[in-house]
Amino acid sequence: MNKDPAITNADKYKVIFENDRIRVLEYKDKPGDKTTPHHHPDTFTFTLSAFERKLYVDGSEKIVKKKSHEAGWQPEQDHVGENIGDSDTHTLLVELKEPRPVEK
């Protein structure tokens, strides 16, 4: 099963830049929209709009509220996202392609 969000949720995720080290995705949805299961490597996020979402990760639910122009970090994960707020979501995601450093 393909878990690339640009394929599984192509109506919401758009690749806007990619090279051998990173991939930049633009994400947009509307209130009530929900994604199908997909995967992200370690990812830097930057919100272009305020939003409220519910993430379903590893059998648990997590509410995420972000302000416009807020930077964040999302560790590697498989998840489903749902817009539970009353505004559209607009976010940039910078996915890292390099493996996570090995802890000593």
N, C-alpha and C. Protein backbone atom coordinates (compact mmCIF):
# COMPACT_ATOMS: atom_id res chain seq x y z
N MET A 1 0.85 -1.19 0.00
CA MET A 1 0.00 0.00 0.00
C MET A 1 0.89 1.25 0.00
N ASN A 2 0.64 2.13 -0.93
CA ASN A 2 1.40 3.38 -1.02
C ASN A 2 0.93 4.33 0.07
N LYS A 3 1.87 4.91 0.81
CA LYS A 3 1.52 5.83 1.88
C LYS A 3 2.04 7.24 1.64
N ASP A 4 2.41 7.54 0.39
CA ASP A 4 2.87 8.88 0.03
C ASP A 4 1.66 9.81 -0.01
N PRO A 5 1.61 10.84 0.85
CA PRO A 5 0.43 11.70 0.91
C PRO A 5 0.15 12.44 -0.40
N ALA A 6 1.20 12.69 -1.21
CA ALA A 6 0.99 13.37 -2.49
C ALA A 6 0.27 12.46 -3.49
N ILE A 7 0.23 11.16 -3.20
CA ILE A 7 -0.50 10.21 -4.03
C ILE A 7 -1.82 9.82 -3.38
N THR A 8 -1.76 9.44 -2.09
CA THR A 8 -2.98 8.97 -1.41
C THR A 8 -3.99 10.10 -1.18
N ASN A 9 -3.51 11.32 -1.05
CA ASN A 9 -4.38 12.47 -0.78
C ASN A 9 -4.00 13.62 -1.72
N ALA A 10 -3.93 13.30 -3.02
CA ALA A 10 -3.48 14.26 -4.02
C ALA A 10 -4.38 15.48 -4.13
N ASP A 11 -5.61 15.38 -3.64
CA ASP A 11 -6.51 16.54 -3.64
C ASP A 11 -6.16 17.54 -2.55
N LYS A 12 -5.29 17.15 -1.61
CA LYS A 12 -4.93 18.02 -0.49
C LYS A 12 -3.43 18.37 -0.45
N TYR A 13 -2.57 17.44 -0.85
CA TYR A 13 -1.12 17.63 -0.83
C TYR A 13 -0.59 17.88 -2.24
N LYS A 14 0.27 18.88 -2.38
CA LYS A 14 0.90 19.18 -3.66
C LYS A 14 2.40 19.35 -3.43
N VAL A 15 3.21 18.65 -4.20
CA VAL A 15 4.67 18.80 -4.12
C VAL A 15 5.02 20.11 -4.82
N ILE A 16 5.65 21.03 -4.07
CA ILE A 16 6.01 22.32 -4.67
C ILE A 16 7.52 22.47 -4.87
N PHE A 17 8.31 21.57 -4.27
CA PHE A 17 9.76 21.56 -4.47
C PHE A 17 10.29 20.22 -4.01
N GLU A 18 11.32 19.73 -4.71
CA GLU A 18 11.96 18.48 -4.28
C GLU A 18 13.37 18.43 -4.84
N ASN A 19 14.30 17.96 -4.00
CA ASN A 19 15.64 17.64 -4.45
C ASN A 19 16.08 16.37 -3.73
N ASP A 20 17.37 16.08 -3.72
CA ASP A 20 17.83 14.83 -3.11
C ASP A 20 17.83 14.85 -1.59
N ARG A 21 17.58 16.01 -0.95
CA ARG A 21 17.63 16.10 0.52
C ARG A 21 16.30 16.40 1.17
N ILE A 22 15.41 17.13 0.47
CA ILE A 22 14.12 17.50 1.06
C ILE A 22 13.00 17.41 0.01
N ARG A 23 11.77 17.38 0.51
CA ARG A 23 10.59 17.52 -0.33
C ARG A 23 9.67 18.49 0.39
N VAL A 24 9.18 19.50 -0.32
CA VAL A 24 8.29 20.50 0.25
C VAL A 24 6.89 20.26 -0.29
N LEU A 25 5.95 20.09 0.64
CA LEU A 25 4.55 19.87 0.30
C LEU A 25 3.72 21.06 0.74
N GLU A 26 2.74 21.41 -0.05
CA GLU A 26 1.73 22.38 0.35
C GLU A 26 0.47 21.57 0.66
N TYR A 27 -0.15 21.85 1.81
CA TYR A 27 -1.35 21.13 2.21
C TYR A 27 -2.49 22.12 2.37
N LYS A 28 -3.64 21.77 1.78
CA LYS A 28 -4.85 22.59 1.93
C LYS A 28 -6.05 21.68 2.12
N ASP A 29 -6.93 22.06 3.06
CA ASP A 29 -8.21 21.38 3.20
C ASP A 29 -9.25 22.33 3.75
N LYS A 30 -10.46 21.82 3.88
CA LYS A 30 -11.60 22.60 4.38
C LYS A 30 -12.16 21.94 5.63
N PRO A 31 -12.92 22.67 6.44
CA PRO A 31 -13.53 22.07 7.63
C PRO A 31 -14.30 20.79 7.28
N GLY A 32 -14.06 19.76 8.10
CA GLY A 32 -14.72 18.48 7.89
C GLY A 32 -13.93 17.51 7.03
N ASP A 33 -12.92 18.00 6.29
CA ASP A 33 -12.11 17.12 5.45
C ASP A 33 -11.27 16.18 6.31
N LYS A 34 -11.05 14.97 5.80
CA LYS A 34 -10.25 13.96 6.50
C LYS A 34 -9.37 13.26 5.48
N THR A 35 -8.11 13.03 5.84
CA THR A 35 -7.20 12.33 4.94
C THR A 35 -7.33 10.82 5.11
N THR A 36 -6.77 10.09 4.17
CA THR A 36 -6.63 8.65 4.31
C THR A 36 -5.27 8.40 4.98
N PRO A 37 -5.02 7.19 5.48
CA PRO A 37 -3.73 6.92 6.14
C PRO A 37 -2.56 7.20 5.19
N HIS A 38 -1.54 7.87 5.74
CA HIS A 38 -0.34 8.19 4.97
C HIS A 38 0.85 8.35 5.90
N HIS A 39 2.03 8.51 5.31
CA HIS A 39 3.30 8.55 6.06
C HIS A 39 4.04 9.85 5.80
N HIS A 40 4.67 10.37 6.86
CA HIS A 40 5.60 11.49 6.74
C HIS A 40 6.90 11.11 7.43
N PRO A 41 8.05 11.38 6.81
CA PRO A 41 9.31 11.26 7.54
C PRO A 41 9.40 12.45 8.51
N ASP A 42 10.50 12.60 9.21
CA ASP A 42 10.69 13.79 10.06
C ASP A 42 10.40 15.02 9.20
N THR A 43 9.60 15.95 9.76
CA THR A 43 9.09 17.05 8.96
C THR A 43 9.06 18.36 9.74
N PHE A 44 9.55 19.42 9.10
CA PHE A 44 9.40 20.79 9.60
C PHE A 44 8.09 21.32 9.01
N THR A 45 7.25 21.95 9.85
CA THR A 45 5.99 22.49 9.37
C THR A 45 5.93 24.00 9.57
N PHE A 46 5.20 24.67 8.68
CA PHE A 46 4.98 26.10 8.81
C PHE A 46 3.55 26.39 8.37
N THR A 47 2.75 26.93 9.30
CA THR A 47 1.35 27.17 9.00
C THR A 47 1.17 28.51 8.28
N LEU A 48 0.32 28.50 7.28
CA LEU A 48 -0.03 29.71 6.56
C LEU A 48 -1.40 30.20 6.98
N SER A 49 -2.12 29.37 7.73
CA SER A 49 -3.42 29.75 8.30
C SER A 49 -3.56 29.09 9.66
N ALA A 50 -4.36 29.68 10.51
CA ALA A 50 -4.68 29.05 11.80
C ALA A 50 -5.59 27.85 11.52
N PHE A 51 -5.47 26.81 12.35
CA PHE A 51 -6.35 25.65 12.16
C PHE A 51 -6.45 24.83 13.43
N GLU A 52 -7.44 23.94 13.43
CA GLU A 52 -7.61 22.95 14.50
C GLU A 52 -7.85 21.61 13.82
N ARG A 53 -7.01 20.63 14.18
CA ARG A 53 -7.06 19.31 13.55
C ARG A 53 -7.02 18.21 14.59
N LYS A 54 -7.52 17.08 14.20
CA LYS A 54 -7.37 15.88 15.02
C LYS A 54 -6.48 14.94 14.23
N LEU A 55 -5.41 14.47 14.87
CA LEU A 55 -4.52 13.48 14.26
C LEU A 55 -4.75 12.14 14.92
N TYR A 56 -4.82 11.12 14.12
CA TYR A 56 -4.94 9.74 14.59
C TYR A 56 -3.59 9.09 14.32
N VAL A 57 -2.81 8.87 15.41
CA VAL A 57 -1.45 8.34 15.30
C VAL A 57 -1.31 7.14 16.23
N ASP A 58 -0.89 6.01 15.68
CA ASP A 58 -0.63 4.80 16.49
C ASP A 58 -1.78 4.46 17.43
N GLY A 59 -3.00 4.51 16.95
CA GLY A 59 -4.16 4.13 17.75
C GLY A 59 -4.62 5.17 18.75
N SER A 60 -4.01 6.35 18.76
CA SER A 60 -4.46 7.39 19.68
C SER A 60 -4.84 8.65 18.90
N GLU A 61 -5.62 9.50 19.56
CA GLU A 61 -6.06 10.76 18.95
C GLU A 61 -5.36 11.92 19.63
N LYS A 62 -5.00 12.93 18.82
CA LYS A 62 -4.32 14.11 19.35
C LYS A 62 -4.91 15.34 18.68
N ILE A 63 -5.32 16.33 19.48
CA ILE A 63 -5.84 17.57 18.94
C ILE A 63 -4.65 18.53 18.73
N VAL A 64 -4.59 19.12 17.54
CA VAL A 64 -3.52 20.05 17.20
C VAL A 64 -4.16 21.38 16.83
N LYS A 65 -3.81 22.44 17.58
CA LYS A 65 -4.28 23.79 17.28
C LYS A 65 -3.05 24.63 16.96
N LYS A 66 -3.08 25.30 15.82
CA LYS A 66 -1.95 26.13 15.41
C LYS A 66 -2.43 27.51 15.01
N LYS A 67 -1.58 28.49 15.28
CA LYS A 67 -1.83 29.86 14.83
C LYS A 67 -1.22 30.03 13.45
N SER A 68 -1.66 31.04 12.74
CA SER A 68 -1.06 31.36 11.45
C SER A 68 0.41 31.75 11.64
N HIS A 69 1.26 31.31 10.74
CA HIS A 69 2.70 31.61 10.74
C HIS A 69 3.43 31.01 11.94
N GLU A 70 3.04 29.81 12.31
CA GLU A 70 3.67 29.09 13.41
C GLU A 70 4.53 27.96 12.84
N ALA A 71 5.76 27.88 13.31
CA ALA A 71 6.68 26.82 12.89
C ALA A 71 6.60 25.66 13.87
N GLY A 72 6.84 24.45 13.37
CA GLY A 72 6.80 23.29 14.25
C GLY A 72 7.58 22.12 13.69
N TRP A 73 7.63 21.06 14.48
CA TRP A 73 8.34 19.84 14.13
C TRP A 73 7.40 18.67 14.31
N GLN A 74 7.43 17.77 13.36
CA GLN A 74 6.62 16.55 13.42
C GLN A 74 7.55 15.36 13.21
N PRO A 75 7.74 14.52 14.22
CA PRO A 75 8.60 13.35 14.02
C PRO A 75 7.96 12.37 13.04
N GLU A 76 8.78 11.52 12.47
CA GLU A 76 8.30 10.53 11.51
C GLU A 76 7.08 9.79 12.06
N GLN A 77 6.07 9.64 11.21
CA GLN A 77 4.85 8.98 11.65
C GLN A 77 3.92 8.64 10.49
N ASP A 78 3.07 7.65 10.74
CA ASP A 78 1.91 7.37 9.90
C ASP A 78 0.73 7.97 10.64
N HIS A 79 -0.17 8.62 9.90
CA HIS A 79 -1.34 9.18 10.57
C HIS A 79 -2.48 9.44 9.60
N VAL A 80 -3.61 9.80 10.19
CA VAL A 80 -4.78 10.32 9.49
C VAL A 80 -5.06 11.66 10.13
N GLY A 81 -5.36 12.67 9.33
CA GLY A 81 -5.67 13.99 9.85
C GLY A 81 -7.10 14.39 9.50
N GLU A 82 -7.72 15.14 10.40
CA GLU A 82 -9.09 15.60 10.18
C GLU A 82 -9.21 17.06 10.60
N ASN A 83 -9.75 17.89 9.73
CA ASN A 83 -9.98 19.30 10.04
C ASN A 83 -11.24 19.39 10.88
N ILE A 84 -11.08 19.65 12.18
CA ILE A 84 -12.22 19.73 13.10
C ILE A 84 -12.55 21.17 13.46
N GLY A 85 -11.86 22.11 12.83
CA GLY A 85 -12.09 23.53 13.11
C GLY A 85 -13.13 24.11 12.17
N ASP A 86 -13.20 25.44 12.18
CA ASP A 86 -14.17 26.13 11.33
C ASP A 86 -13.47 26.97 10.25
N SER A 87 -12.18 26.67 9.99
CA SER A 87 -11.43 27.39 8.97
C SER A 87 -10.65 26.41 8.10
N ASP A 88 -10.31 26.86 6.90
CA ASP A 88 -9.48 26.06 6.01
C ASP A 88 -8.09 25.90 6.62
N THR A 89 -7.43 24.80 6.30
CA THR A 89 -6.04 24.56 6.69
C THR A 89 -5.16 24.87 5.49
N HIS A 90 -4.06 25.59 5.73
CA HIS A 90 -3.07 25.85 4.68
C HIS A 90 -1.69 25.79 5.35
N THR A 91 -0.91 24.81 4.99
CA THR A 91 0.36 24.53 5.67
C THR A 91 1.43 24.12 4.66
N LEU A 92 2.68 24.45 4.97
CA LEU A 92 3.82 23.94 4.22
C LEU A 92 4.54 22.91 5.08
N LEU A 93 4.93 21.80 4.46
CA LEU A 93 5.66 20.75 5.15
C LEU A 93 6.98 20.51 4.43
N VAL A 94 8.08 20.52 5.17
CA VAL A 94 9.39 20.25 4.60
C VAL A 94 9.83 18.88 5.14
N GLU A 95 9.68 17.87 4.29
CA GLU A 95 10.02 16.51 4.69
C GLU A 95 11.51 16.27 4.45
N LEU A 96 12.18 15.70 5.46
CA LEU A 96 13.60 15.38 5.35
C LEU A 96 13.77 14.01 4.70
N LYS A 97 14.67 13.92 3.76
CA LYS A 97 14.94 12.64 3.11
C LYS A 97 16.10 11.90 3.75
N GLU A 98 16.95 12.62 4.45
CA GLU A 98 18.11 11.99 5.07
C GLU A 98 17.66 11.21 6.30
N PRO A 99 18.29 10.08 6.56
CA PRO A 99 17.91 9.31 7.74
C PRO A 99 18.23 10.06 9.03
N ARG A 100 17.47 9.77 10.06
CA ARG A 100 17.70 10.35 11.37
C ARG A 100 19.07 9.91 11.88
N PRO A 101 19.86 10.82 12.48
CA PRO A 101 21.18 10.43 13.00
C PRO A 101 21.05 9.34 14.07
N VAL A 102 22.01 8.47 14.08
CA VAL A 102 22.04 7.39 15.07
C VAL A 102 22.49 7.97 16.40
N GLU A 103 21.73 7.69 17.46
CA GLU A 103 22.10 8.19 18.78
C GLU A 103 23.23 7.34 19.34
N LYS A 104 24.20 8.01 20.00
CA LYS A 104 25.34 7.29 20.56
C LYS A 104 25.13 7.00 22.02
